[in-house]
Protein backbone atom coordinates (compact mmCIF):
# COMPACT_ATOMS: atom_id res chain seq x y z
CA UNK A 1 8.06 14.52 -34.79
CA UNK A 2 5.55 15.19 -32.02
CA UNK A 3 6.43 18.37 -30.08
CA UNK A 4 7.17 17.97 -26.42
CA UNK A 5 4.83 19.28 -23.76
CA UNK A 6 5.82 22.51 -22.01
CA UNK A 7 7.58 22.54 -18.65
CA UNK A 8 4.45 24.09 -17.15
CA UNK A 9 2.34 21.21 -18.39
CA UNK A 10 4.85 18.62 -17.13
CA UNK A 11 4.57 20.17 -13.66
CA UNK A 12 0.78 20.12 -13.95
CA UNK A 13 0.92 16.46 -15.04
CA UNK A 14 3.01 15.62 -11.96
CA UNK A 15 0.38 17.20 -9.71
CA UNK A 16 -2.39 15.26 -11.47
CA UNK A 17 -0.74 11.95 -10.58
CA UNK A 18 0.22 13.18 -7.11
CA UNK A 19 -3.44 14.08 -6.51
CA UNK A 20 -4.50 10.59 -7.63
CA UNK A 21 -1.98 9.09 -5.18
CA UNK A 22 -3.06 11.28 -2.27
CA UNK A 23 -6.74 10.61 -2.98
CA UNK A 24 -6.13 7.05 -1.82
CA UNK A 25 -3.13 7.27 0.47
CA UNK A 26 -3.88 10.39 2.52
CA UNK A 27 -6.51 8.57 4.58
CA UNK A 28 -4.86 5.15 4.18
CA UNK A 29 -1.47 6.19 5.57
CA UNK A 30 -3.00 8.29 8.35
CA UNK A 31 -5.34 5.50 9.45
CA UNK A 32 -2.43 3.07 9.62
CA UNK A 33 -0.32 4.96 12.16
CA UNK A 34 -2.27 7.67 14.01
CA UNK A 35 -3.23 5.17 16.74
CA UNK A 36 0.37 4.05 17.36
CA UNK A 37 1.55 7.21 19.11
CA UNK A 38 -1.80 8.08 20.73
CA UNK A 39 -2.47 4.65 22.18
CA UNK A 40 -2.41 5.93 25.78
CA UNK A 41 -5.09 8.53 25.09
CA UNK A 42 -7.26 5.93 23.37
CA UNK A 43 -7.03 3.75 26.48
CA UNK A 44 -8.31 6.69 28.53
CA UNK A 45 -11.10 7.20 25.97
CA UNK A 46 -12.20 3.57 26.18
CA UNK A 47 -12.16 3.60 29.98
CA UNK A 48 -14.12 6.87 30.17
CA UNK A 49 -16.64 5.55 27.63
CA UNK A 50 -17.39 2.55 29.85
CA UNK A 51 -17.45 4.65 33.02
CA UNK A 52 -20.17 6.81 31.47
CA UNK A 53 -22.23 3.63 31.18
CA UNK A 54 -21.51 2.59 34.74
CA UNK A 55 -18.77 0.03 33.99
CA UNK A 56 -15.14 -0.06 35.11
CA UNK A 57 -12.86 -1.36 32.36
CA UNK A 58 -10.48 -4.12 33.44
CA UNK A 59 -7.10 -4.65 31.81
CA UNK A 60 -8.38 -7.83 30.18
CA UNK A 61 -11.38 -5.98 28.72
CA UNK A 62 -9.07 -3.30 27.36
CA UNK A 63 -6.87 -5.87 25.64
CA UNK A 64 -9.89 -7.47 23.98
CA UNK A 65 -11.42 -4.18 22.83
CA UNK A 66 -8.08 -2.88 21.57
CA UNK A 67 -7.31 -6.08 19.69
CA UNK A 68 -10.72 -5.96 18.01
CA UNK A 69 -10.14 -2.31 17.12
CA UNK A 70 -6.68 -2.99 15.65
CA UNK A 71 -7.40 -6.20 13.78
CA UNK A 72 -10.81 -5.35 12.32
CA UNK A 73 -8.71 -3.38 9.82
CA UNK A 74 -7.39 -6.56 8.20
CA UNK A 75 -10.84 -8.13 8.06
CA UNK A 76 -12.30 -5.05 6.37
CA UNK A 77 -9.36 -4.77 3.99
CA UNK A 78 -9.86 -8.38 2.95
CA UNK A 79 -13.53 -7.67 2.21
CA UNK A 80 -12.65 -4.55 0.22
CA UNK A 81 -10.13 -6.46 -1.88
CA UNK A 82 -12.96 -8.52 -3.39
CA UNK A 83 -15.21 -5.51 -3.89
CA UNK A 84 -12.54 -3.79 -5.95
CA UNK A 85 -12.71 -5.89 -9.16
CA UNK A 86 -16.51 -5.65 -9.14
CA UNK A 87 -16.46 -1.84 -8.91
CA UNK A 88 -13.35 -1.17 -11.00
CA UNK A 89 -14.11 -3.64 -13.80
CA UNK A 90 -17.88 -3.29 -14.10
CA UNK A 91 -18.36 0.42 -13.45
CA UNK A 92 -14.92 1.79 -14.23
CA UNK A 93 -11.76 2.84 -12.39
CA UNK A 94 -13.18 6.32 -11.77
CA UNK A 95 -16.49 5.09 -10.33
CA UNK A 96 -14.69 2.60 -8.08
CA UNK A 97 -12.37 5.35 -6.88
CA UNK A 98 -15.25 7.77 -6.27
CA UNK A 99 -17.41 5.29 -4.37
CA UNK A 100 -14.49 4.17 -2.21
CA UNK A 101 -13.45 7.74 -1.43
CA UNK A 102 -16.96 8.98 -0.70
CA UNK A 103 -17.70 6.15 1.75
CA UNK A 104 -14.24 6.67 3.30
CA UNK A 105 -15.15 10.33 3.79
CA UNK A 106 -18.34 9.27 5.61
CA UNK A 107 -16.30 6.81 7.69
CA UNK A 108 -13.89 9.62 8.66
CA UNK A 109 -16.86 11.71 9.84
CA UNK A 110 -18.17 8.74 11.86
CA UNK A 111 -14.70 8.25 13.37
CA UNK A 112 -14.75 11.81 14.70
CA UNK A 113 -18.33 11.48 15.93
CA UNK A 114 -17.42 8.29 17.80
CA UNK A 115 -15.00 10.36 19.93
CA UNK A 116 -17.54 13.15 20.38
CA UNK A 117 -20.27 10.69 21.42
CA UNK A 118 -17.95 8.47 23.51
CA UNK A 119 -18.86 5.42 21.43
CA UNK A 120 -16.21 2.66 21.11
CA UNK A 121 -18.61 0.65 18.95
CA UNK A 122 -18.84 3.45 16.39
CA UNK A 123 -15.06 3.87 16.51
CA UNK A 124 -14.56 0.19 15.66
CA UNK A 125 -17.22 0.29 12.94
CA UNK A 126 -15.70 3.39 11.34
CA UNK A 127 -12.27 1.74 11.28
CA UNK A 128 -13.76 -1.39 9.71
CA UNK A 129 -15.59 0.69 7.09
CA UNK A 130 -12.46 2.73 6.36
CA UNK A 131 -10.40 -0.40 5.76
CA UNK A 132 -12.94 -1.71 3.23
CA UNK A 133 -12.79 1.59 1.35
CA UNK A 134 -9.00 1.78 1.48
CA UNK A 135 -8.70 -1.64 -0.19
CA UNK A 136 -10.92 -0.40 -3.02
CA UNK A 137 -9.32 3.03 -3.44
CA UNK A 138 -5.76 1.71 -3.21
CA UNK A 139 -6.37 -0.70 -6.07
CA UNK A 140 -8.15 2.05 -8.02
CA UNK A 141 -5.14 4.29 -7.44
CA UNK A 142 -2.67 1.70 -8.75
CA UNK A 143 -4.87 1.08 -11.80
CA UNK A 144 -5.02 4.82 -12.52
CA UNK A 145 -1.28 5.30 -12.15
CA UNK A 146 -0.46 2.29 -14.32
CA UNK A 147 -3.08 2.81 -17.04
CA UNK A 148 -2.83 6.60 -17.37
CA UNK A 149 0.96 7.04 -17.22
CA UNK A 150 3.07 7.32 -20.36
CA UNK A 151 5.14 4.13 -20.66
CA UNK A 152 8.45 5.95 -20.13
CA UNK A 153 7.15 7.49 -16.87
CA UNK A 154 5.07 4.58 -15.56
CA UNK A 155 7.57 3.75 -12.83
CA UNK A 156 8.00 7.36 -11.69
CA UNK A 157 4.28 8.02 -11.40
CA UNK A 158 3.55 4.63 -9.83
CA UNK A 159 6.12 5.44 -7.13
CA UNK A 160 4.01 8.45 -6.11
CA UNK A 161 1.61 6.03 -4.44
CA UNK A 162 4.29 4.74 -2.09
CA UNK A 163 5.75 8.21 -1.49
CA UNK A 164 2.34 9.58 -0.48
CA UNK A 165 1.55 6.53 1.67
CA UNK A 166 4.89 6.61 3.49
CA UNK A 167 4.59 10.37 3.99
CA UNK A 168 1.14 9.98 5.55
CA UNK A 169 2.31 7.20 7.88
CA UNK A 170 4.89 9.68 9.15
CA UNK A 171 2.30 12.47 9.45
CA UNK A 172 -0.11 10.12 11.24
CA UNK A 173 2.58 9.19 13.75
CA UNK A 174 3.53 12.82 14.36
CA UNK A 175 -0.06 14.07 14.71
CA UNK A 176 -0.74 11.34 17.26
CA UNK A 177 2.04 12.50 19.59
CA UNK A 178 1.13 14.34 22.81
CA UNK A 179 2.85 17.52 21.63
CA UNK A 180 0.55 17.89 18.61
CA UNK A 181 -2.94 16.29 18.62
CA UNK A 182 -2.43 13.12 20.63
CA UNK A 183 -4.24 14.54 23.68
CA UNK A 184 -7.16 15.80 21.59
CA UNK A 185 -8.60 12.72 19.92
CA UNK A 186 -11.54 14.51 18.34
CA UNK A 187 -9.32 16.99 16.49
CA UNK A 188 -6.84 14.21 15.69
CA UNK A 189 -9.53 12.12 13.98
CA UNK A 190 -11.25 15.16 12.45
CA UNK A 191 -8.04 16.52 10.91
CA UNK A 192 -8.37 14.33 7.79
CA UNK A 193 -12.10 14.93 7.19
CA UNK A 194 -11.70 18.11 5.05
CA UNK A 195 -9.01 16.43 2.97
CA UNK A 196 -11.18 13.33 2.42
CA UNK A 197 -13.92 15.60 1.10
CA UNK A 198 -11.50 17.54 -1.12
CA UNK A 199 -10.02 14.45 -2.76
CA UNK A 200 -13.48 12.97 -3.34
CA UNK A 201 -14.56 16.22 -4.97
CA UNK A 202 -11.48 16.50 -7.18
CA UNK A 203 -11.98 12.99 -8.60
CA UNK A 204 -15.15 14.17 -10.35
CA UNK A 205 -12.99 16.20 -12.74
CA UNK A 206 -10.64 13.38 -13.75
CA UNK A 207 -11.48 11.23 -16.80
CA UNK A 208 -11.36 7.45 -16.51
CA UNK A 209 -8.25 5.64 -17.72
CA UNK A 210 -7.75 5.50 -21.51
CA UNK A 211 -7.30 1.72 -21.40
CA UNK A 212 -10.63 1.17 -19.66
CA UNK A 213 -12.45 3.61 -21.93
CA UNK A 214 -11.08 2.00 -25.09
CA UNK A 215 -11.07 -1.70 -24.17
CA UNK A 216 -14.07 -1.93 -21.82
CA UNK A 217 -16.28 0.99 -22.88
CA UNK A 218 -15.30 0.79 -26.59
CA UNK A 219 -15.21 4.59 -26.81
CA UNK A 220 -12.29 5.76 -28.95
CA UNK A 221 -13.27 9.44 -28.62
CA UNK A 222 -13.29 9.32 -24.81
CA UNK A 223 -10.07 7.32 -24.81
CA UNK A 224 -8.34 9.96 -27.00
CA UNK A 225 -9.54 12.75 -24.69
CA UNK A 226 -8.25 10.78 -21.70
CA UNK A 227 -4.84 10.24 -23.32
CA UNK A 228 -4.54 13.96 -24.05
CA UNK A 229 -5.56 14.81 -20.47
CA UNK A 230 -2.94 12.55 -18.87
CA UNK A 231 -0.18 12.58 -21.54
CA UNK A 232 -0.55 16.11 -22.90
CA UNK A 233 -2.23 17.70 -25.91
CA UNK A 234 0.90 17.36 -28.02
CA UNK A 235 1.02 13.58 -27.65
CA UNK A 236 0.08 11.37 -30.61
CA UNK A 237 -3.04 9.90 -29.02
CA UNK A 238 -3.72 7.62 -32.00
CA UNK A 239 -0.36 5.90 -31.53
CA UNK A 240 -1.08 5.40 -27.82
CA UNK A 241 -4.38 3.74 -28.74
CA UNK A 242 -2.54 1.41 -31.13
CA UNK A 243 -0.36 0.20 -28.25
CA UNK A 244 -3.45 -0.25 -26.07
CA UNK A 245 -5.14 -2.33 -28.79
CA UNK A 246 -2.04 -4.51 -29.05
CA UNK A 247 -2.38 -5.12 -25.32
CA UNK A 248 -6.00 -6.19 -25.90
CA UNK A 249 -4.80 -8.80 -28.39
CA UNK A 250 -3.05 -10.58 -25.50
CA UNK A 251 -6.47 -11.43 -24.04
CA UNK A 252 -8.38 -14.52 -25.08
CA UNK A 253 -11.75 -13.65 -23.55
CA UNK A 254 -14.13 -10.78 -24.27
CA UNK A 255 -16.98 -9.29 -22.22
CA UNK A 256 -16.36 -11.77 -19.40
CA UNK A 257 -17.54 -11.45 -15.82
CA UNK A 258 -15.28 -11.09 -12.78
CA UNK A 259 -15.79 -14.80 -11.98
CA UNK A 260 -14.88 -15.79 -15.53
CA UNK A 261 -11.78 -13.61 -15.36
CA UNK A 262 -10.75 -15.35 -12.14
CA UNK A 263 -11.18 -18.78 -13.73
CA UNK A 264 -9.13 -17.62 -16.69
CA UNK A 265 -6.47 -16.28 -14.32
CA UNK A 266 -5.88 -19.74 -12.86
CA UNK A 267 -6.41 -21.63 -16.12
CA UNK A 268 -3.95 -19.68 -18.30
CA UNK A 269 -0.27 -20.57 -17.67
CA UNK A 270 1.08 -17.06 -18.33
CA UNK A 271 -1.55 -15.41 -16.07
CA UNK A 272 -0.92 -18.02 -13.39
CA UNK A 273 2.80 -17.27 -13.58
CA UNK A 274 2.09 -13.52 -13.33
CA UNK A 275 0.00 -14.17 -10.20
CA UNK A 276 2.75 -16.37 -8.74
CA UNK A 277 5.32 -13.61 -9.31
CA UNK A 278 3.01 -10.95 -7.83
CA UNK A 279 2.41 -12.99 -4.68
CA UNK A 280 6.15 -13.70 -4.38
CA UNK A 281 7.00 -10.00 -4.64
CA UNK A 282 4.36 -9.04 -2.06
CA UNK A 283 5.69 -11.65 0.39
CA UNK A 284 8.63 -9.30 0.96
CA UNK A 285 6.26 -6.59 2.27
CA UNK A 286 4.77 -8.70 5.09
CA UNK A 287 7.31 -7.74 7.75
CA UNK A 288 6.68 -3.99 7.56
CA UNK A 289 3.36 -4.19 9.42
CA UNK A 290 4.79 -5.94 12.47
CA UNK A 291 7.72 -3.53 12.60
CA UNK A 292 5.53 -0.42 12.26
CA UNK A 293 3.11 -1.64 14.93
CA UNK A 294 5.53 -3.26 17.39
CA UNK A 295 9.03 -1.83 16.86
CA UNK A 296 8.92 -0.29 20.35
CA UNK A 297 8.27 -3.72 21.87
CA UNK A 298 11.10 -5.35 19.92
CA UNK A 299 13.65 -2.69 20.91
CA UNK A 300 12.61 -2.67 24.56
CA UNK A 301 13.17 -6.41 24.59
CA UNK A 302 16.73 -5.75 23.46
CA UNK A 303 17.33 -3.46 26.47
CA UNK A 304 17.01 -0.15 24.60
CA UNK A 305 15.55 2.67 26.71
CA UNK A 306 11.79 3.21 26.40
CA UNK A 307 12.18 6.85 25.32
CA UNK A 308 14.42 5.84 22.42
CA UNK A 309 12.28 2.83 21.53
CA UNK A 310 9.12 4.94 21.34
CA UNK A 311 10.68 7.14 18.68
CA UNK A 312 11.73 4.12 16.63
CA UNK A 313 8.45 4.03 14.67
CA UNK A 314 8.83 7.70 13.71
CA UNK A 315 12.49 7.19 12.77
CA UNK A 316 11.66 4.17 10.64
CA UNK A 317 8.73 6.02 9.02
CA UNK A 318 11.05 8.93 8.17
CA UNK A 319 13.54 6.50 6.63
CA UNK A 320 10.64 4.94 4.73
CA UNK A 321 9.68 8.35 3.29
CA UNK A 322 13.26 9.16 2.29
CA UNK A 323 13.61 5.72 0.71
CA UNK A 324 10.42 6.17 -1.30
CA UNK A 325 11.63 9.55 -2.54
CA UNK A 326 14.97 7.99 -3.53
CA UNK A 327 13.20 5.18 -5.34
CA UNK A 328 10.99 7.65 -7.19
CA UNK A 329 14.11 9.31 -8.60
CA UNK A 330 15.97 6.14 -9.65
CA UNK A 331 13.08 3.89 -10.73
CA UNK A 332 13.33 4.81 -14.42
CA UNK A 333 17.14 4.93 -14.37
CA UNK A 334 17.71 1.31 -13.34
CA UNK A 335 16.24 -1.97 -14.59
CA UNK A 336 13.05 -2.63 -12.57
CA UNK A 337 13.90 -6.29 -11.99
CA UNK A 338 17.45 -5.56 -10.79
CA UNK A 339 16.30 -2.80 -8.45
CA UNK A 340 13.60 -4.95 -6.84
CA UNK A 341 15.83 -7.96 -6.22
CA UNK A 342 18.78 -5.84 -5.00
CA UNK A 343 16.87 -3.75 -2.46
CA UNK A 344 14.96 -6.83 -1.28
CA UNK A 345 18.27 -8.54 -0.57
CA UNK A 346 19.56 -5.52 1.39
CA UNK A 347 16.19 -5.29 3.17
CA UNK A 348 16.51 -8.90 4.25
CA UNK A 349 20.10 -8.42 5.37
CA UNK A 350 18.89 -5.56 7.59
CA UNK A 351 16.53 -7.98 9.36
CA UNK A 352 19.33 -10.49 9.79
CA UNK A 353 21.50 -7.68 11.17
CA UNK A 354 18.79 -6.98 13.76
CA UNK A 355 18.98 -10.63 14.85
CA UNK A 356 22.78 -10.46 15.00
CA UNK A 357 22.87 -7.30 17.13
CA UNK A 358 20.08 -8.62 19.36
CA UNK A 359 22.27 -11.61 20.22
CA UNK A 360 25.71 -9.97 20.31
CA UNK A 361 24.45 -7.25 22.69
CA UNK A 362 24.36 -9.97 25.38
CA UNK A 363 28.17 -9.85 25.19
CA UNK A 364 28.66 -6.15 24.33
CA UNK A 365 25.67 -4.10 25.52
CA UNK A 366 26.43 -1.00 23.43
CA UNK A 367 25.90 -3.00 20.22
CA UNK A 368 22.17 -3.12 21.02
CA UNK A 369 21.82 0.18 19.13
CA UNK A 370 22.65 -1.76 16.01
CA UNK A 371 19.07 -3.09 16.27
CA UNK A 372 17.70 0.43 15.90
CA UNK A 373 20.00 1.19 12.97
CA UNK A 374 18.91 -2.08 11.33
CA UNK A 375 15.26 -1.04 11.54
CA UNK A 376 16.04 2.35 9.98
CA UNK A 377 17.90 0.65 7.11
CA UNK A 378 14.95 -1.73 6.75
CA UNK A 379 12.54 1.20 6.43
CA UNK A 380 14.75 2.99 3.89
CA UNK A 381 15.27 -0.02 1.62
CA UNK A 382 11.60 -0.94 1.86
CA UNK A 383 10.66 2.50 0.56
CA UNK A 384 13.37 2.49 -2.11
CA UNK A 385 11.85 -0.43 -3.95
CA UNK A 386 10.62 -3.41 -1.93
CA UNK A 387 7.21 -1.93 -1.15
CA UNK A 388 6.51 0.31 -4.17
CA UNK A 389 7.52 -2.13 -6.91
CA UNK A 390 5.93 -5.14 -5.19
CA UNK A 391 2.58 -3.36 -4.95
CA UNK A 392 2.38 -2.27 -8.57
CA UNK A 393 4.28 -5.10 -10.32
CA UNK A 394 1.09 -7.17 -10.81
CA UNK A 395 -0.32 -4.37 -12.98
CA UNK A 396 2.72 -4.58 -15.28
CA UNK A 397 2.48 -8.33 -15.82
CA UNK A 398 -1.09 -8.79 -17.05
CA UNK A 399 -3.35 -7.18 -19.68
CA UNK A 400 -6.09 -4.71 -18.79
CA UNK A 401 -8.96 -7.19 -18.51
CA UNK A 402 -7.23 -9.29 -15.84
CA UNK A 403 -5.41 -6.49 -14.03
CA UNK A 404 -7.97 -5.84 -11.31
CA UNK A 405 -8.66 -9.50 -10.50
CA UNK A 406 -4.92 -10.28 -10.40
CA UNK A 407 -4.48 -7.42 -7.93
CA UNK A 408 -7.33 -8.70 -5.79
CA UNK A 409 -6.11 -12.30 -5.58
CA UNK A 410 -2.48 -11.35 -4.87
CA UNK A 411 -3.48 -8.67 -2.35
CA UNK A 412 -5.86 -11.11 -0.63
CA UNK A 413 -3.12 -13.71 -0.23
CA UNK A 414 -0.78 -11.02 1.06
CA UNK A 415 -3.39 -9.85 3.60
CA UNK A 416 -3.75 -13.40 4.92
CA UNK A 417 0.03 -13.65 5.30
CA UNK A 418 0.12 -10.29 7.12
CA UNK A 419 -2.64 -11.40 9.53
CA UNK A 420 -0.91 -14.72 10.24
CA UNK A 421 2.47 -13.10 10.87
CA UNK A 422 1.05 -10.19 12.88
CA UNK A 423 -0.79 -12.55 15.22
CA UNK A 424 2.23 -14.86 15.46
CA UNK A 425 5.17 -12.49 15.83
CA UNK A 426 4.66 -11.29 19.42
CA UNK A 427 4.17 -14.69 21.10
CA UNK A 428 6.94 -16.20 18.96
CA UNK A 429 9.26 -13.28 19.76
CA UNK A 430 8.59 -13.72 23.47
CA UNK A 431 9.50 -17.41 23.14
CA UNK A 432 12.58 -17.43 20.90
CA UNK A 433 13.49 -13.75 20.66
CA UNK A 434 14.69 -12.15 17.43
CA UNK A 435 15.02 -15.54 15.73
CA UNK A 436 11.29 -15.09 15.05
CA UNK A 437 12.27 -12.65 12.27
CA UNK A 438 14.20 -15.38 10.47
CA UNK A 439 11.31 -17.87 10.61
CA UNK A 440 8.49 -15.49 9.70
CA UNK A 441 10.21 -13.06 7.33
CA UNK A 442 13.76 -13.90 6.22
CA UNK A 443 13.27 -17.48 5.03
CA UNK A 444 10.05 -16.74 3.08
CA UNK A 445 11.70 -13.63 1.61
CA UNK A 446 14.76 -15.54 0.38
CA UNK A 447 12.43 -18.09 -1.24
CA UNK A 448 10.49 -15.32 -2.99
CA UNK A 449 13.72 -13.69 -4.20
CA UNK A 450 14.76 -16.99 -5.77
CA UNK A 451 11.43 -17.15 -7.64
CA UNK A 452 11.72 -13.54 -8.81
CA UNK A 453 15.31 -14.07 -9.95
CA UNK A 454 14.26 -17.12 -11.97
CA UNK A 455 11.07 -15.91 -13.67
CA UNK A 456 10.43 -12.16 -13.27
CA UNK A 457 10.76 -10.34 -16.63
CA UNK A 458 12.10 -6.81 -16.98
CA UNK A 459 9.20 -4.33 -17.19
CA UNK A 460 10.97 -0.96 -17.38
CA UNK A 461 10.04 1.03 -20.50
CA UNK A 462 8.14 -1.88 -22.05
CA UNK A 463 4.55 -2.02 -23.23
CA UNK A 464 2.31 -4.47 -21.37
CA UNK A 465 1.75 -6.64 -24.45
CA UNK A 466 5.52 -7.16 -24.77
CA UNK A 467 5.76 -8.30 -21.14
CA UNK A 468 2.74 -10.61 -21.47
CA UNK A 469 4.17 -12.20 -24.62
CA UNK A 470 7.44 -12.89 -22.76
CA UNK A 471 5.54 -14.57 -19.92
CA UNK A 472 3.74 -16.75 -22.46
CA UNK A 473 7.11 -18.04 -23.65
CA UNK A 474 8.39 -19.02 -20.19
């Protein structure tokens, strides 16, 4: 019987995977929310930048510049999604991670310099560049967590990605407040630069994933060393490699290009089903963006005081963090499929509750606070399973060769859905009120839950080749 690793090593292993998670999500989570609470100071920055050039910024100009600044993120993220399989499949998960992090570090420096030089153009470019890198590093992070984790702990370690992301969205919101760094944009934007450098540096010392080293690089020695690094020296590395080789037997193509892998993804029924399930799961994550970016607007429309509404994003982010921590504890104690469908249902009910309270408050005004409570419950249940499982489930449904391209296609479709809903929600909300949530989020979510209930296999504690073989039989 293989001896267990020491408690000290188990703690060290936890910090290895936490470091991998933070290497992607520290900058990603911060960049998502730091602008939400410092929006007033950024408006002053934009106006002062134009005044220094002899121009007075009109309200219409501000709206255009701000919209470009906000939404260039989604364009860049979409670009980065397609760079990811090229970098992660051709050069390796580690190289893709390193390149993405290093360029993100440079983008963070440029972001700070844009404030110092009063350059809105550089600020927009740095945000665009950051979003490209975040798409690459996020996918690299998920691949690392999925391919390096012991099977029995795959869910726990994969949850670290969502915990670190949710935590950094909260930190970004707090740092952007006037009481901390919101009035000092240079120091606000510079605050992540040292950490970006640190996480880029630390990646040099991590070996690539054992699955990539064995199946793509054909190096058994390096794969064994990688297994021992991530699983522990007492682990039977040879047995782990046997399971990895069984996963390789699920694949029908060898030494194929990214384009060939994409063709195979759509041509093979079981891979097509895996993609369909991945896209369906990710559909349930679409609503979070609108709520994080515009929760203040929604609550003010329901007659909740501005001071309370402005703290709604922070309250929902805190609930999101607590939910992710809860999910990280229970993920390996409950069936993965049951947990995902259950919390998605509760998550959807929270949105419907918002609609109910938004309408009933016209009769009983005090019930308007039910809208705020609904958003907090939404954030908590999203963190408990809706977001984390949806983002990594694609990696549990396909073999190593098709993992990166499946991520890219499903993430690309999800990004398009986020862009469509984000652009649509505010005008639709102003026209029909909270019923917009039902049209844009609730109905699509119920459809996706039906699909997941019908076809999603259980993935908890199972090797990838077992899951793939089950999909082939459906």
